[in-house]
Protein backbone atom coordinates (compact mmCIF):
# COMPACT_ATOMS: atom_id res chain seq x y z
CA MET A 1 85.91 -33.91 31.21
CA GLN A 2 85.03 -37.54 31.73
CA TRP A 3 87.49 -39.98 30.12
CA TRP A 4 84.77 -41.83 28.29
CA LEU A 5 83.86 -38.71 26.32
CA THR A 6 87.06 -39.10 24.30
CA LEU A 7 85.44 -42.04 22.46
CA PRO A 8 82.47 -40.09 20.94
CA ALA A 9 84.78 -37.12 20.35
CA GLY A 10 87.25 -39.25 18.39
CA VAL A 11 84.51 -40.96 16.42
CA GLY A 12 82.89 -37.58 15.74
CA VAL A 13 86.16 -36.16 14.38
CA GLY A 14 86.52 -39.18 12.09
CA MET A 15 82.94 -38.91 10.82
CA GLY A 16 83.35 -35.17 10.29
CA LEU A 17 86.44 -35.74 8.17
CA LEU A 18 84.62 -38.48 6.26
CA TYR A 19 81.71 -36.17 5.48
CA ALA A 20 83.90 -33.23 4.46
CA LEU A 21 86.46 -35.07 2.37
CA SER A 22 84.33 -37.81 0.84
CA GLY A 23 81.00 -36.07 0.33
CA PHE A 24 82.44 -32.83 -1.01
CA ARG A 25 85.06 -34.58 -3.08
CA ASP A 26 82.41 -36.55 -4.98
CA GLY A 27 80.15 -33.53 -5.43
CA GLY A 28 76.67 -32.70 -4.26
CA LYS A 29 74.70 -33.07 -7.49
CA THR A 30 73.61 -36.50 -8.71
CA THR A 31 70.52 -37.63 -10.58
CA GLU A 32 69.56 -40.03 -7.77
CA PHE A 33 68.97 -38.64 -4.30
CA LYS A 34 69.82 -41.92 -2.57
CA ARG A 35 73.20 -42.10 -4.31
CA ASN A 36 74.22 -38.56 -3.39
CA PRO A 37 77.40 -39.01 -1.29
CA ARG A 38 76.41 -36.19 1.06
CA VAL A 39 73.16 -37.97 1.84
CA THR A 40 74.82 -41.36 2.37
CA ASN A 41 77.47 -39.79 4.61
CA LEU A 42 74.79 -38.06 6.66
CA LEU A 43 73.20 -41.48 7.18
CA TRP A 44 76.50 -42.74 8.54
CA VAL A 45 76.68 -39.72 10.87
CA ALA A 46 73.13 -40.40 12.04
CA THR A 47 73.98 -44.06 12.61
CA GLY A 48 76.81 -43.03 14.89
CA GLY A 49 74.47 -40.76 16.87
CA ILE A 50 71.91 -43.54 17.28
CA ALA A 51 74.65 -45.88 18.47
CA ALA A 52 75.71 -43.29 21.05
CA VAL A 53 72.16 -43.15 22.43
CA LEU A 54 71.22 -46.83 22.29
CA GLY A 55 74.56 -48.49 23.08
CA ASP A 56 75.11 -50.21 26.46
CA TRP A 57 78.13 -48.09 27.29
CA GLU A 58 77.83 -48.35 31.09
CA LYS A 59 78.38 -52.10 30.95
CA LEU A 60 81.37 -51.63 28.65
CA ALA A 61 82.97 -48.90 30.78
CA GLY A 62 81.97 -50.38 34.17
CA ALA A 63 80.89 -46.91 35.31
CA PRO A 64 77.88 -44.58 34.99
CA ILE A 65 77.82 -42.92 31.53
CA SER A 66 75.46 -40.18 30.28
CA LYS A 67 74.19 -41.17 26.83
CA VAL A 68 72.95 -37.63 26.25
CA GLU A 69 76.43 -36.27 26.85
CA MET A 70 77.94 -38.92 24.57
CA ALA A 71 75.52 -38.09 21.77
CA GLY A 72 76.07 -34.36 22.24
CA VAL A 73 79.86 -34.62 22.16
CA TYR A 74 79.68 -36.91 19.12
CA ILE A 75 77.40 -34.55 17.15
CA ALA A 76 79.38 -31.44 18.17
CA ALA A 77 82.72 -33.05 17.19
CA THR A 78 81.29 -34.30 13.88
CA PHE A 79 79.86 -30.99 12.70
CA PHE A 80 82.73 -28.89 14.08
CA THR A 81 85.30 -31.04 12.24
CA ALA A 82 83.25 -31.04 9.02
CA ILE A 83 82.75 -27.26 9.06
CA VAL A 84 86.41 -26.53 9.86
CA THR A 85 87.66 -28.94 7.15
CA ILE A 86 85.33 -27.53 4.52
CA GLY A 87 86.26 -24.01 5.56
CA VAL A 88 89.99 -24.70 5.31
CA ILE A 89 89.61 -26.18 1.82
CA ALA A 90 87.37 -23.27 0.74
CA ILE A 91 89.93 -20.74 2.00
CA SER A 92 92.69 -22.59 0.15
CA ILE A 93 90.61 -22.50 -3.05
CA TYR A 94 89.94 -18.77 -2.48
CA ARG A 95 93.67 -18.03 -2.13
CA ASP A 96 94.62 -20.14 -5.16
CA ARG A 97 91.98 -18.38 -7.23
CA SER A 98 93.17 -14.97 -6.08
CA ALA A 99 96.78 -15.81 -7.02
CA GLN A 100 95.63 -17.16 -10.39
CA LEU A 101 93.71 -14.00 -11.24
CA ARG A 102 96.65 -11.81 -10.23
CA GLU A 103 99.01 -13.88 -12.37
CA THR A 104 96.83 -13.71 -15.51
CA GLY A 105 96.04 -10.04 -14.99
CA ARG A 106 92.42 -10.38 -16.09
CA ALA A 107 89.10 -11.22 -14.53
CA GLY A 108 87.78 -14.75 -14.79
CA ARG A 109 84.24 -15.97 -15.22
CA ARG A 110 84.00 -16.36 -11.44
CA SER A 111 85.57 -14.32 -8.65
CA GLU A 112 87.49 -15.78 -5.68
CA ILE A 113 84.42 -15.87 -3.44
CA GLN A 114 82.22 -17.32 -6.18
CA ILE A 115 84.61 -20.17 -6.91
CA ALA A 116 85.00 -20.95 -3.19
CA LEU A 117 81.22 -20.96 -2.66
CA LEU A 118 80.84 -23.19 -5.72
CA TYR A 119 83.00 -25.77 -3.97
CA VAL A 120 81.01 -25.47 -0.74
CA HIS A 121 77.68 -25.75 -2.55
CA SER A 122 78.41 -28.36 -5.23
CA GLY A 123 81.63 -30.11 -4.26
CA TYR A 124 85.13 -30.39 -5.64
CA PRO A 125 84.17 -31.82 -9.07
CA ALA A 126 82.02 -28.76 -9.77
CA TYR A 127 84.96 -26.55 -8.85
CA GLU A 128 87.27 -28.47 -11.21
CA ASP A 129 84.68 -28.42 -14.01
CA ALA A 130 84.35 -24.65 -13.68
CA LEU A 131 88.11 -24.16 -13.98
CA LYS A 132 88.26 -26.55 -16.96
CA ALA A 133 85.46 -24.70 -18.75
CA GLU A 134 87.22 -21.39 -18.15
CA ARG A 135 90.52 -22.74 -19.49
CA GLU A 136 88.80 -24.07 -22.62
CA GLN A 137 87.09 -20.72 -23.15
CA MET A 138 90.38 -18.85 -22.85
CA GLU A 139 92.10 -21.30 -25.22
CA ALA A 140 89.30 -20.76 -27.74
CA ILE A 141 89.70 -16.98 -27.45
CA VAL A 142 93.46 -17.21 -27.91
CA ARG A 143 93.06 -19.54 -30.89
CA SER A 144 90.48 -17.22 -32.45
CA ALA A 145 92.86 -14.30 -32.06
CA GLN A 146 95.67 -16.31 -33.64
CA VAL A 147 93.46 -17.26 -36.58
CA ARG A 148 92.45 -13.62 -37.13
CA GLN A 149 96.09 -12.60 -37.02
CA VAL A 150 97.00 -15.23 -39.60
CA GLN A 151 94.08 -14.17 -41.78
CA LEU A 152 95.19 -10.54 -41.76
CA ARG A 153 98.73 -11.49 -42.70
CA SER A 154 97.45 -13.68 -45.53
CA CYS A 155 95.37 -11.00 -47.29
CA ALA A 156 98.27 -9.66 -49.33
CA ASP A 157 99.47 -13.16 -50.19
CA LEU A 158 95.95 -14.14 -51.27
CA ALA A 159 95.59 -11.12 -53.54
CA ALA A 160 98.95 -11.86 -55.15
CA ALA A 161 98.08 -15.54 -55.63
CA ILE A 162 94.74 -14.79 -57.27
CA SER A 163 96.30 -12.22 -59.57
CA ALA A 164 99.01 -14.67 -60.64
CA GLN A 165 96.51 -17.47 -61.23
CA ILE A 166 94.18 -15.22 -63.21
CA ALA A 167 97.07 -14.31 -65.49
CA ALA A 168 98.10 -17.97 -65.86
CA SER A 169 94.56 -19.21 -66.51
CA SER A 170 93.86 -16.46 -69.02
CA ALA A 171 96.96 -17.47 -70.96
CA ILE A 172 95.69 -21.03 -71.45
CA GLY A 173 94.20 -21.48 -74.89
CA ASP A 174 92.11 -24.37 -76.17
CA ALA A 175 95.22 -25.84 -77.80
CA ALA A 176 97.29 -25.85 -74.60
CA PRO A 177 98.98 -29.23 -73.90
CA PRO A 178 97.22 -31.46 -71.30
CA LYS A 179 100.32 -31.45 -69.07
CA PHE A 180 100.19 -27.67 -68.89
CA ARG A 181 96.50 -27.76 -67.95
CA ASP A 182 97.16 -30.41 -65.31
CA SER A 183 99.97 -28.34 -63.86
CA THR A 184 97.70 -25.28 -63.70
CA ILE A 185 94.97 -27.29 -61.97
CA ASN A 186 97.43 -28.66 -59.40
CA THR A 187 98.71 -25.14 -58.75
CA LEU A 188 95.19 -23.80 -58.23
CA LEU A 189 94.34 -26.61 -55.81
CA SER A 190 97.59 -26.03 -53.92
CA GLU A 191 96.79 -22.32 -53.64
CA MET A 192 93.33 -23.19 -52.27
CA ILE A 193 94.90 -25.46 -49.65
CA SER A 194 97.22 -22.61 -48.67
CA VAL A 195 94.23 -20.29 -48.26
CA VAL A 196 92.45 -22.83 -46.03
CA ILE A 197 95.54 -23.27 -43.85
CA GLN A 198 95.94 -19.50 -43.56
CA GLN A 199 92.28 -18.98 -42.74
CA THR A 200 92.08 -21.80 -40.17
CA ALA A 201 95.63 -22.22 -38.83
CA LEU A 202 95.35 -25.98 -39.48
CA SER A 203 98.42 -28.05 -40.31
CA LYS A 204 98.89 -29.56 -43.77
CA ASP A 205 98.11 -33.08 -42.59
CA GLU A 206 94.73 -31.97 -41.23
CA VAL A 207 93.25 -30.82 -44.53
CA ALA A 208 93.04 -32.18 -48.10
CA ILE A 209 91.47 -31.04 -51.38
CA ASN A 210 90.15 -32.69 -54.53
CA PHE A 211 88.12 -31.75 -57.56
CA MET A 212 85.50 -33.80 -59.38
CA GLU A 213 84.48 -33.22 -62.97
CA ALA A 214 80.84 -33.58 -64.04
CA LEU A 215 80.01 -35.92 -66.93
CA PRO A 216 76.63 -36.86 -68.41
CA PHE A 217 75.35 -39.79 -66.38
CA ALA A 218 73.84 -41.72 -69.30
CA THR A 219 77.08 -41.82 -71.30
CA ALA A 220 79.55 -42.11 -68.40
CA ILE A 221 77.97 -44.67 -66.06
CA ASP A 222 79.04 -47.73 -68.08
CA ARG A 223 82.67 -46.63 -68.01
CA TYR A 224 82.70 -45.63 -64.32
CA ALA A 225 80.14 -48.07 -62.86
CA ALA A 226 82.80 -49.98 -60.92
CA VAL A 227 83.97 -46.89 -58.99
CA THR A 228 80.63 -45.10 -58.56
CA ARG A 229 79.14 -45.27 -55.08
CA PHE A 230 75.79 -44.54 -53.45
CA ILE A 231 73.46 -45.14 -56.41
CA PHE A 232 70.27 -45.55 -54.40
CA ASP A 233 67.72 -44.89 -57.19
CA ALA A 234 67.06 -45.99 -60.77
CA HIS A 235 69.59 -44.75 -63.33
CA GLY A 236 66.94 -42.72 -65.11
CA ARG A 237 66.67 -40.34 -62.13
CA TYR A 238 70.28 -39.17 -62.42
CA GLN A 239 71.58 -36.39 -64.65
CA SER A 240 75.32 -36.19 -63.98
CA LEU A 241 78.18 -38.25 -62.68
CA LEU A 242 80.94 -36.58 -60.66
CA ILE A 243 84.29 -38.28 -61.27
CA LEU A 244 87.35 -37.66 -59.08
CA LYS A 245 90.14 -36.07 -61.14
CA ARG A 246 92.67 -34.71 -58.63
CA TYR A 247 93.27 -35.34 -54.92
CA LEU A 248 95.95 -33.44 -53.00
CA GLY A 249 96.45 -35.12 -49.63
CA ARG A 250 95.12 -38.38 -48.19
CA GLY A 251 97.68 -40.33 -50.21
CA GLY A 252 96.30 -39.16 -53.55
CA GLY A 253 92.75 -40.42 -53.13
CA GLU A 254 91.18 -43.18 -55.23
CA ASP A 255 89.06 -43.74 -58.32
CA PHE A 256 85.70 -42.52 -57.22
CA GLY A 257 82.35 -41.38 -58.67
CA LEU A 258 79.16 -39.89 -57.23
CA PRO A 259 75.75 -39.68 -58.94
CA VAL A 260 73.83 -36.40 -59.17
CA HIS A 261 70.03 -36.40 -59.40
CA ALA A 262 68.19 -34.69 -62.21
CA PRO A 263 66.04 -31.71 -61.13
CA GLY A 264 62.57 -32.65 -59.95
CA ARG A 265 60.19 -32.87 -57.02
CA HIS A 266 61.47 -36.26 -55.93
CA ALA A 267 65.19 -35.56 -56.32
CA ARG A 268 67.33 -36.74 -53.41
CA PRO A 269 70.78 -35.19 -53.86
CA LEU A 270 73.46 -36.80 -51.74
CA PRO A 271 75.36 -34.80 -49.09
CA GLY A 272 78.37 -32.80 -50.16
CA ALA A 273 79.48 -32.64 -53.80
CA PRO A 274 76.25 -34.01 -55.37
CA SER A 275 74.17 -31.41 -53.50
CA VAL A 276 76.51 -28.65 -54.74
CA MET A 277 76.30 -29.90 -58.33
CA PHE A 278 72.51 -30.12 -57.97
CA SER A 279 71.97 -26.64 -56.51
CA GLY A 280 75.03 -24.64 -57.59
CA ASN A 281 75.62 -23.44 -54.02
CA ALA A 282 78.45 -24.18 -51.61
CA ARG A 283 77.67 -26.84 -49.01
CA TYR A 284 79.29 -27.74 -45.69
CA ILE A 285 78.73 -31.15 -44.11
CA GLN A 286 79.88 -32.57 -40.80
CA THR A 287 80.08 -36.34 -40.62
CA ASP A 288 78.48 -36.67 -37.19
CA LYS A 289 75.51 -34.50 -38.24
CA ILE A 290 74.62 -36.08 -41.59
CA ALA A 291 72.04 -38.36 -39.96
CA THR A 292 70.19 -35.30 -38.62
CA ASP A 293 70.64 -32.95 -41.57
CA TYR A 294 69.58 -35.48 -44.23
CA ALA A 295 67.01 -37.52 -42.28
CA LYS A 296 64.15 -36.33 -44.50
CA GLY A 297 65.77 -37.05 -47.86
CA LEU A 298 67.66 -40.30 -47.26
CA LYS A 299 66.87 -43.61 -45.64
CA THR A 300 68.62 -44.69 -42.46
CA ALA A 301 70.57 -47.46 -44.21
CA GLU A 302 71.68 -45.03 -46.94
CA ILE A 303 72.88 -42.50 -44.38
CA ARG A 304 74.74 -45.21 -42.50
CA GLU A 305 76.53 -46.30 -45.67
CA ILE A 306 77.64 -42.74 -46.43
CA VAL A 307 78.76 -42.04 -42.86
CA ASN A 308 80.67 -45.32 -42.65
CA TYR A 309 82.58 -44.42 -45.81
CA LEU A 310 83.49 -40.93 -44.56
CA GLU A 311 84.55 -42.23 -41.15
CA ALA A 312 86.71 -44.89 -42.79
CA GLN A 313 88.47 -42.10 -44.73
CA GLY A 314 89.04 -40.11 -41.52
CA ILE A 315 86.90 -37.22 -42.76
CA CYS A 316 85.24 -35.20 -39.99
CA CYS A 317 83.89 -32.43 -42.22
CA CYS A 318 83.89 -31.30 -45.83
CA LEU A 319 83.28 -28.03 -47.66
CA SER A 320 82.16 -28.43 -51.29
CA LEU A 321 82.27 -25.56 -53.81
CA PRO A 322 80.85 -25.38 -57.35
CA ILE A 323 83.08 -25.07 -60.40
CA GLN A 324 81.17 -22.90 -62.89
CA TRP A 325 82.04 -21.20 -66.16
CA GLY A 326 79.84 -19.56 -68.74
CA GLY A 327 76.67 -20.40 -66.82
CA ARG A 328 77.51 -24.13 -66.72
CA ARG A 329 78.30 -26.28 -63.72
CA LEU A 330 81.44 -28.20 -64.63
CA GLY A 331 82.27 -29.89 -61.37
CA VAL A 332 82.92 -29.52 -57.64
CA VAL A 333 85.89 -28.80 -55.39
CA ASN A 334 85.88 -30.68 -52.06
CA ILE A 335 87.98 -29.60 -49.09
CA ASP A 336 87.91 -32.09 -46.22
CA SER A 337 89.45 -32.01 -42.76
CA LYS A 338 90.19 -34.32 -39.88
CA ARG A 339 88.85 -31.67 -37.48
CA HIS A 340 85.23 -30.60 -37.02
CA ARG A 341 84.40 -27.23 -38.61
CA PHE A 342 88.05 -27.03 -39.76
CA GLY A 343 88.90 -26.07 -36.18
CA LEU A 344 86.73 -22.93 -36.40
CA GLU A 345 83.95 -21.72 -34.13
CA ASN A 346 81.89 -20.36 -37.03
CA ASP A 347 80.34 -22.13 -40.01
CA PRO A 348 83.12 -22.62 -42.62
CA ALA A 349 80.58 -22.15 -45.44
CA ASN A 350 80.28 -18.53 -44.37
CA HIS A 351 83.80 -18.14 -43.02
CA PHE A 352 86.12 -18.69 -45.97
CA ALA A 353 84.05 -20.25 -48.77
CA ASN A 354 83.71 -16.92 -50.59
CA THR A 355 87.49 -16.51 -50.52
CA LEU A 356 87.90 -19.77 -52.44
CA LEU A 357 85.25 -19.19 -55.10
CA PRO A 358 87.54 -17.11 -57.37
CA PHE A 359 89.88 -20.12 -57.58
CA CYS A 360 86.89 -22.29 -58.53
CA MET A 361 86.08 -19.84 -61.30
CA LEU A 362 89.64 -20.14 -62.61
CA LEU A 363 89.36 -23.94 -62.45
CA GLY A 364 86.20 -23.63 -64.51
CA ASN A 365 88.11 -21.72 -67.16
CA VAL A 366 90.78 -24.42 -67.37
CA ILE A 367 88.29 -27.32 -67.40
CA GLN A 368 86.07 -25.64 -69.98
CA GLY A 369 89.06 -25.10 -72.24
CA ALA A 370 89.99 -28.77 -71.99
CA GLN A 371 86.44 -29.86 -72.83
CA SER A 372 86.35 -27.51 -75.82
CA ALA A 373 89.64 -28.95 -77.06
CA VAL A 374 88.22 -32.48 -76.82
CA VAL A 375 85.07 -31.51 -78.73
CA ARG A 376 87.10 -30.05 -81.60
């Protein structure tokens, strides 16, 4: 072997390592072809080959030099080094994947050969993304299993709680002292929070509950005008005013009122509690989806004002349930959380709303009794 062939061989090894480690580390999929690291590294490899052919190496070495041999050695060293390096990394990934699957004792989304070929085809970031997605999927499965386990354990507790609250609510007469009614309401709300925590496995600081009582808009707006928000239409278009009465969590809440539209073709019920009071059906809202879900009924500025308020309160989502008794809608219970979908994969409106409705019925009994006492 001629001594001068060590130069293209050394450069070829360096370029091969550059291509294998840089190009495959950054990944092979980008939106712009020119910015794909594998393409740019190939250009560097080609530049080295052109230099081997066009360079005046005989003058530099002071001896006859074959440019064809130089180019051939350079290309062979480059591709041999790149292939060997990529192969070694792929084998290492294969072995790590095999050990991982043996340790967990269950099959993954991709086998050892599939994960190794993913690295070869799309680069190291694609390999890492695949492992991350698999870990997240397994964590979701484990969490779902934990939630189901908690839900099963809570069935007996829930039945006992409902039975106790039915007995307590039934014992409340129209002449019951206000403090006793307030205590019953607080107990019912606390029981509902317990149900939510059991059904979702959330912590106590991740969920809060409040109830709002419905009053006639025409007679209540003057008294509560200062605390009522989001009145976007003329007063004559509203039928009810929801006033916050209790708030467990979030530091006790604040004085707060929401208007509810009267029935009609042009009614524009607000998200959450007003929509529940308007329709009588449970509603689930997610703060980051209000703009999409209510784009047809509300103006952009109105949606922005509502979303800004919810975000300022740290509310990611809210489930609102109707309080009804004797065919009348008396108010709304709102359960809000700092986590989207209360940490569940499924829609909370279908997941545990029905479990909470019996408590809302009992609240209706207590509230109706208080209103009857006031009328007399």
